[in-house]
Protein backbone atom coordinates (compact mmCIF):
# COMPACT_ATOMS: atom_id res chain seq x y z
CA UNK A 1 -6.16 5.45 -0.77
CA UNK A 2 -8.43 8.29 -1.47
CA UNK A 3 -7.66 10.03 -4.56
CA UNK A 4 -6.94 13.49 -3.15
CA UNK A 5 -4.00 11.85 -0.83
CA UNK A 6 -2.01 10.44 -4.53
CA UNK A 7 -1.88 14.07 -5.55
CA UNK A 8 0.59 15.11 -2.53
CA UNK A 9 4.17 14.77 -2.49
CA UNK A 10 5.13 11.11 -0.88
CA UNK A 11 6.52 13.54 2.69
CA UNK A 12 3.54 15.72 2.67
CA UNK A 13 1.07 12.59 2.32
CA UNK A 14 3.49 10.87 5.07
CA UNK A 15 3.43 13.93 7.68
CA UNK A 16 -1.02 14.29 7.10
CA UNK A 17 -1.02 9.96 7.92
CA UNK A 18 1.23 10.11 11.13
CA UNK A 19 -0.72 13.52 12.04
CA UNK A 20 -4.14 11.88 11.63
CA UNK A 21 -3.17 8.74 13.22
CA UNK A 22 -1.17 10.38 16.24
CA UNK A 23 -4.32 12.29 16.47
CA UNK A 24 -6.34 9.69 17.40
CA UNK A 25 -7.24 7.68 14.22
CA UNK A 26 -10.56 7.27 12.28
CA UNK A 27 -13.70 5.79 13.34
CA UNK A 28 -13.45 2.27 15.46
CA UNK A 29 -10.35 1.44 14.09
CA UNK A 30 -8.66 4.68 15.19
CA UNK A 31 -7.10 2.99 18.32
CA UNK A 32 -6.20 0.05 16.18
CA UNK A 33 -4.46 2.53 13.78
CA UNK A 34 -3.17 4.83 16.17
CA UNK A 35 -0.90 1.17 17.94
CA UNK A 36 0.20 0.39 14.66
CA UNK A 37 1.94 3.47 13.92
CA UNK A 38 3.79 3.63 17.58
CA UNK A 39 5.40 -0.22 15.78
CA UNK A 40 5.56 1.24 12.42
CA UNK A 41 7.68 3.80 14.10
CA UNK A 42 10.19 1.57 15.80
CA UNK A 43 10.89 0.20 11.81
CA UNK A 44 11.28 3.54 10.14
CA UNK A 45 14.67 4.19 10.33
CA UNK A 46 16.42 7.48 10.11
CA UNK A 47 16.85 10.05 7.00
CA UNK A 48 14.68 9.49 4.27
CA UNK A 49 12.73 6.65 5.27
CA UNK A 50 11.90 8.26 8.40
CA UNK A 51 10.12 11.32 6.12
CA UNK A 52 8.64 8.55 4.28
CA UNK A 53 6.85 7.52 7.85
CA UNK A 54 5.01 3.83 7.38
CA UNK A 55 5.27 3.91 4.13
CA UNK A 56 8.40 2.14 3.66
CA UNK A 57 7.68 -1.19 5.68
CA UNK A 58 4.56 -3.08 6.98
CA UNK A 59 4.27 -4.18 10.30
CA UNK A 60 1.48 -6.87 10.29
CA UNK A 61 -0.72 -8.32 7.65
CA UNK A 62 -4.17 -6.18 8.63
CA UNK A 63 -4.82 -3.91 11.09
CA UNK A 64 -6.48 -6.59 13.55
CA UNK A 65 -3.76 -7.64 15.80
CA UNK A 66 -3.23 -3.85 16.63
CA UNK A 67 -6.91 -3.21 16.66
CA UNK A 68 -7.15 -6.14 19.62
CA UNK A 69 -4.01 -5.04 20.86
CA UNK A 70 -5.68 -1.41 21.76
CA UNK A 71 -8.43 -3.14 23.05
CA UNK A 72 -6.51 -5.27 25.60
CA UNK A 73 -7.51 -8.39 24.17
CA UNK A 74 -3.57 -9.16 23.91
CA UNK A 75 -0.51 -8.25 24.12
CA UNK A 76 2.21 -7.92 21.73
CA UNK A 77 5.90 -8.25 22.64
CA UNK A 78 9.16 -7.39 20.41
CA UNK A 79 11.91 -9.15 22.01
CA UNK A 80 15.35 -10.74 20.08
CA UNK A 81 15.03 -14.09 22.04
CA UNK A 82 12.59 -16.13 24.33
CA UNK A 83 12.84 -18.90 27.05
CA UNK A 84 9.85 -21.50 27.68
CA UNK A 85 9.67 -23.21 31.14
CA UNK A 86 6.64 -25.46 30.63
CA UNK A 87 3.75 -23.40 30.41
CA UNK A 88 5.45 -20.34 31.03
CA UNK A 89 7.77 -18.01 28.83
CA UNK A 90 10.21 -15.72 29.22
CA UNK A 91 11.43 -12.67 27.23
CA UNK A 92 14.49 -11.69 28.41
CA UNK A 93 15.35 -8.67 25.92
CA UNK A 94 12.24 -7.00 25.28
CA UNK A 95 12.15 -3.87 23.51
CA UNK A 96 8.61 -3.25 23.13
CA UNK A 97 5.15 -3.88 25.00
CA UNK A 98 2.20 -3.08 23.17
CA UNK A 99 2.37 1.06 23.01
CA UNK A 100 5.78 0.79 25.66
CA UNK A 101 8.87 1.20 24.41
CA UNK A 102 12.07 0.70 26.56
CA UNK A 103 14.12 2.58 26.63
CA UNK A 104 16.50 -0.26 28.01
CA UNK A 105 15.71 -4.34 27.42
CA UNK A 106 13.69 -5.64 30.13
CA UNK A 107 12.72 -9.34 30.81
CA UNK A 108 8.63 -10.13 30.63
CA UNK A 109 7.31 -13.08 31.84
CA UNK A 110 4.27 -14.67 30.75
CA UNK A 111 2.96 -18.02 33.06
CA UNK A 112 0.32 -20.51 31.95
CA UNK A 113 0.42 -20.62 28.55
CA UNK A 114 -1.96 -22.88 26.73
CA UNK A 115 -0.32 -22.86 23.05
CA UNK A 116 2.75 -22.04 21.80
CA UNK A 117 3.17 -21.96 17.68
CA UNK A 118 6.62 -20.91 16.83
CA UNK A 119 6.80 -19.19 13.06
CA UNK A 120 9.80 -20.02 11.83
CA UNK A 121 9.37 -18.50 8.30
CA UNK A 122 9.16 -20.39 5.04
CA UNK A 123 10.62 -20.29 1.56
CA UNK A 124 8.54 -20.70 -1.59
CA UNK A 125 8.31 -23.92 -3.28
CA UNK A 126 8.12 -23.69 -7.41
CA UNK A 127 6.26 -25.99 -9.02
CA UNK A 128 7.11 -28.82 -10.85
CA UNK A 129 8.40 -27.81 -14.46
CA UNK A 130 8.96 -24.73 -13.24
CA UNK A 131 11.68 -24.93 -10.77
CA UNK A 132 13.98 -22.51 -13.04
CA UNK A 133 11.82 -19.58 -12.99
CA UNK A 134 12.61 -16.15 -10.48
CA UNK A 135 10.75 -16.47 -7.21
CA UNK A 136 11.29 -12.99 -6.77
CA UNK A 137 7.73 -11.75 -7.82
CA UNK A 138 9.14 -8.04 -8.10
CA UNK A 139 10.73 -9.26 -11.25
CA UNK A 140 7.35 -10.57 -12.83
CA UNK A 141 5.43 -7.94 -14.86
CA UNK A 142 2.52 -6.27 -12.20
CA UNK A 143 3.57 -9.44 -9.53
CA UNK A 144 1.86 -11.64 -12.05
CA UNK A 145 3.46 -12.17 -15.28
CA UNK A 146 6.60 -14.59 -15.43
CA UNK A 147 9.28 -13.00 -17.94
CA UNK A 148 9.88 -15.68 -21.11
CA UNK A 149 6.25 -16.94 -20.99
CA UNK A 150 4.44 -13.55 -21.97
CA UNK A 151 0.60 -14.15 -21.28
CA UNK A 152 0.88 -18.11 -21.30
CA UNK A 153 1.57 -18.16 -17.45
CA UNK A 154 0.45 -15.56 -14.46
CA UNK A 155 -0.15 -15.80 -10.94
CA UNK A 156 -2.71 -14.08 -9.40
CA UNK A 157 -2.34 -13.55 -5.08
CA UNK A 158 1.43 -12.11 -5.00
CA UNK A 159 0.09 -8.19 -5.30
CA UNK A 160 -0.31 -7.24 -1.76
CA UNK A 161 -1.25 -3.62 -1.28
CA UNK A 162 0.33 -1.66 1.37
CA UNK A 163 -2.63 0.04 2.53
CA UNK A 164 -5.83 -1.52 0.69
CA UNK A 165 -7.20 -5.06 -1.10
CA UNK A 166 -5.43 -7.68 -2.16
CA UNK A 167 -8.55 -9.09 -3.67
CA UNK A 168 -9.23 -5.75 -5.15
CA UNK A 169 -5.80 -5.66 -6.96
CA UNK A 170 -6.53 -9.86 -8.31
CA UNK A 171 -9.98 -8.70 -9.54
CA UNK A 172 -7.98 -6.14 -11.94
CA UNK A 173 -5.17 -8.48 -12.86
CA UNK A 174 -8.10 -11.48 -13.36
CA UNK A 175 -10.07 -8.73 -15.76
CA UNK A 176 -6.53 -8.22 -17.82
CA UNK A 177 -5.96 -11.71 -17.51
CA UNK A 178 -9.01 -12.72 -18.93
CA UNK A 179 -8.53 -9.43 -21.82
CA UNK A 180 -5.29 -11.51 -23.05
CA UNK A 181 -6.82 -14.52 -23.13
CA UNK A 182 -9.66 -13.37 -25.15
CA UNK A 183 -7.00 -11.09 -27.50
CA UNK A 184 -8.49 -8.05 -26.63
CA UNK A 185 -5.28 -7.23 -25.52
CA UNK A 186 -1.43 -7.86 -25.28
CA UNK A 187 1.26 -7.43 -23.07
CA UNK A 188 3.66 -5.03 -23.86
CA UNK A 189 6.53 -6.13 -25.88
CA UNK A 190 9.01 -5.08 -22.92
CA UNK A 191 7.18 -6.38 -20.29
CA UNK A 192 10.21 -8.09 -18.69
CA UNK A 193 12.20 -4.55 -19.12
CA UNK A 194 9.39 -2.47 -17.59
CA UNK A 195 8.94 -5.30 -14.45
CA UNK A 196 12.99 -4.68 -13.83
CA UNK A 197 12.14 -0.94 -13.74
CA UNK A 198 9.45 -1.62 -11.51
CA UNK A 199 10.70 -4.19 -9.23
CA UNK A 200 13.83 -1.80 -8.85
CA UNK A 201 11.20 1.16 -7.60
CA UNK A 202 9.48 -1.05 -5.37
CA UNK A 203 12.69 -2.16 -3.78
CA UNK A 204 13.70 1.43 -3.34
CA UNK A 205 10.50 2.52 -1.79
CA UNK A 206 9.45 -0.24 0.33
CA UNK A 207 12.92 -0.32 1.73
CA UNK A 208 12.17 -1.53 5.17
CA UNK A 209 10.20 -4.18 4.33
CA UNK A 210 12.67 -6.62 2.20
CA UNK A 211 10.47 -10.04 3.37
CA UNK A 212 7.51 -8.83 1.64
CA UNK A 213 8.19 -8.38 -1.92
CA UNK A 214 4.78 -8.82 -2.63
CA UNK A 215 3.76 -5.15 -1.29
CA UNK A 216 2.57 -2.69 -4.16
CA UNK A 217 1.10 0.67 -3.75
CA UNK A 218 -2.84 0.32 -3.63
CA UNK A 219 -3.71 3.58 -5.52
CA UNK A 220 -0.68 3.59 -7.89
CA UNK A 221 -0.93 -0.18 -8.92
CA UNK A 222 -4.84 0.16 -9.71
CA UNK A 223 -4.23 3.25 -11.91
CA UNK A 224 -1.44 1.21 -13.64
CA UNK A 225 -4.47 -1.78 -14.38
CA UNK A 226 -7.04 0.07 -14.93
CA UNK A 227 -4.80 1.52 -18.49
CA UNK A 228 -4.14 -1.54 -19.30
CA UNK A 229 -7.88 -2.70 -18.74
CA UNK A 230 -9.34 0.39 -20.28
CA UNK A 231 -11.64 0.74 -17.78
CA UNK A 232 -10.18 4.64 -16.30
CA UNK A 233 -13.01 6.08 -14.49
CA UNK A 234 -14.33 9.20 -15.56
CA UNK A 235 -14.06 12.14 -13.00
CA UNK A 236 -17.81 13.39 -12.34
CA UNK A 237 -18.89 16.91 -13.14
CA UNK A 238 -17.76 19.26 -10.40
CA UNK A 239 -21.74 20.13 -11.17
CA UNK A 240 -23.03 16.87 -9.49
CA UNK A 241 -21.18 17.82 -6.04
CA UNK A 242 -22.43 15.30 -4.73
CA UNK A 243 -20.59 12.45 -6.57
CA UNK A 244 -17.62 14.67 -7.63
CA UNK A 245 -17.16 14.75 -4.05
CA UNK A 246 -17.18 10.97 -3.23
CA UNK A 247 -14.99 10.27 -6.07
CA UNK A 248 -12.16 12.52 -4.79
CA UNK A 249 -12.76 11.56 -1.06
CA UNK A 250 -14.16 7.98 -0.69
CA UNK A 251 -11.42 5.19 -1.10
CA UNK A 252 -10.64 3.95 -4.27
CA UNK A 253 -12.45 1.20 -4.38
CA UNK A 254 -13.09 -1.48 -7.83
CA UNK A 255 -16.09 -0.63 -8.22
CA UNK A 256 -15.10 2.80 -9.50
CA UNK A 257 -13.48 0.69 -12.29
CA UNK A 258 -16.62 -0.77 -13.49
CA UNK A 259 -17.71 2.74 -14.75
CA UNK A 260 -16.39 2.50 -17.99
CA UNK A 261 -14.64 0.02 -20.47
CA UNK A 262 -14.62 -4.51 -20.69
CA UNK A 263 -16.54 -5.84 -18.19
CA UNK A 264 -18.35 -2.12 -17.31
CA UNK A 265 -21.40 -2.40 -14.68
CA UNK A 266 -22.37 1.33 -14.24
CA UNK A 267 -25.58 0.38 -12.57
CA UNK A 268 -23.20 -1.51 -9.59
CA UNK A 269 -21.29 1.74 -9.04
CA UNK A 270 -24.76 3.97 -8.75
CA UNK A 271 -26.37 1.46 -6.61
CA UNK A 272 -23.41 1.77 -4.24
CA UNK A 273 -23.40 5.60 -4.49
CA UNK A 274 -26.64 5.60 -3.26
CA UNK A 275 -26.08 4.02 -0.34
CA UNK A 276 -22.73 5.71 0.85
CA UNK A 277 -23.85 9.68 1.33
CA UNK A 278 -21.23 12.01 1.69
CA UNK A 279 -22.32 13.29 4.89
CA UNK A 280 -22.58 9.85 6.36
CA UNK A 281 -18.85 9.35 5.83
CA UNK A 282 -17.52 12.70 7.42
CA UNK A 283 -16.91 12.03 10.31
CA UNK A 284 -15.14 15.19 12.53
CA UNK A 285 -11.48 13.63 11.86
CA UNK A 286 -11.48 12.43 8.15
CA UNK A 287 -13.10 16.21 7.39
CA UNK A 288 -10.22 17.82 9.20
CA UNK A 289 -7.53 15.43 7.18
CA UNK A 290 -9.24 16.62 4.21
CA UNK A 291 -9.34 20.29 4.34
CA UNK A 292 -5.79 20.30 5.64
CA UNK A 293 -4.38 17.82 2.37
CA UNK A 294 -6.81 20.23 0.22
CA UNK A 295 -4.83 23.47 1.45
CA UNK A 296 -1.24 21.61 1.19
CA UNK A 297 -2.01 20.45 -2.18
CA UNK A 298 -2.67 24.21 -3.85
CA UNK A 299 0.82 25.29 -3.03
CA UNK A 300 2.20 22.23 -4.22
CA UNK A 301 0.19 21.65 -7.63
CA UNK A 302 2.71 25.08 -9.48
CA UNK A 303 5.47 23.47 -8.17
CA UNK A 304 4.67 20.25 -9.72
CA UNK A 305 4.27 21.55 -12.67
CA UNK A 306 7.62 23.45 -13.13
CA UNK A 307 9.30 20.14 -12.04
CA UNK A 308 7.46 17.90 -14.43
CA UNK A 309 9.01 20.18 -17.15
CA UNK A 310 12.26 20.22 -15.91
CA UNK A 311 12.81 16.55 -14.51
CA UNK A 312 13.75 15.28 -17.54
CA UNK A 313 16.50 17.72 -17.75
CA UNK A 314 18.34 16.39 -14.33
CA UNK A 315 21.26 13.69 -14.79
CA UNK A 316 19.44 11.45 -12.51
CA UNK A 317 20.01 7.67 -13.57
CA UNK A 318 16.45 5.53 -13.70
CA UNK A 319 17.20 3.65 -10.58
CA UNK A 320 18.09 6.31 -8.58
CA UNK A 321 14.53 6.75 -6.54
CA UNK A 322 15.14 8.34 -3.75
CA UNK A 323 16.50 11.55 -5.01
CA UNK A 324 15.24 14.88 -3.64
CA UNK A 325 12.86 15.75 -6.36
CA UNK A 326 11.27 12.36 -6.12
CA UNK A 327 10.08 12.69 -2.52
CA UNK A 328 9.14 16.59 -2.59
CA UNK A 329 7.68 17.29 -6.03
CA UNK A 330 6.16 14.23 -7.85
CA UNK A 331 3.11 13.12 -6.88
CA UNK A 332 2.63 9.77 -4.89
CA UNK A 333 0.38 8.20 -7.75
CA UNK A 334 3.05 8.27 -9.86
CA UNK A 335 6.04 6.97 -8.06
CA UNK A 336 5.32 3.00 -8.73
CA UNK A 337 3.99 0.86 -10.97
CA UNK A 338 3.17 3.98 -13.61
CA UNK A 339 5.23 2.23 -16.80
CA UNK A 340 2.33 0.65 -17.96
């Protein structure tokens, strides 16, 4: 979620991400990320979604399961059906076991199972008196504000980052809600229309994850909320290279948004930066990825400037998200949630 990645076009970001993970990942979670990448490849589809890499879908809620799998602590099997015989389970048409994808479905048997838990899915149940509201959270402004209720009804926890923390975006939304409650901010007058636009963008972007309507893109979602709250961080001076480098290469932590604005706590950012040194953050794999990103970024910037000028002249509908320019010439951070 570092800022340099957000400046790249999506297809370059996806190529570098897949290359980094395929090379072995970063740090202790490397094997787990590589495992998850294998699973994601199965659901990528073809054409545009394949170019997007794992950005168009989500495999698991977190990387904990893939990490445990990579360490040999659990088995993951993908099969259309399962047959139960006492304490034994048969998966007759398995297409994957852990990191091994089968060319033809195979039958796998697991014996002496202690407990079987069947997750059959669920549907959200509206609260009493709110049965009429649309439960598609992408129809809500910022996955939070239900159209028709203005700032009188808001839900937290329904904006789940594809990569990054649910708590972080919930904190930013809570700060915005507090400002609305105090009268220090107002919702955009056309917030319901903006929600439709952003919802359409998200539907197209996360096209392989229709079952997870809460998905948002963490960097662009945080940037849009920062504009609403008024707490966009100031870029450090390049002459303070250590802080400047951390601003661009460290994760987009919520503490960056405490630098200034309502609820500012610059001392917290200063304290964290004093314990997170740039050189300690630079493992060889991450350093190699950053260098590669910067080398790709410089030739892309002129193309982005040209495209930004020409884009309004191109006759493309607002909902035609996956047009070529969107994939190749726009910055990733500008693709979603930028209607604020």
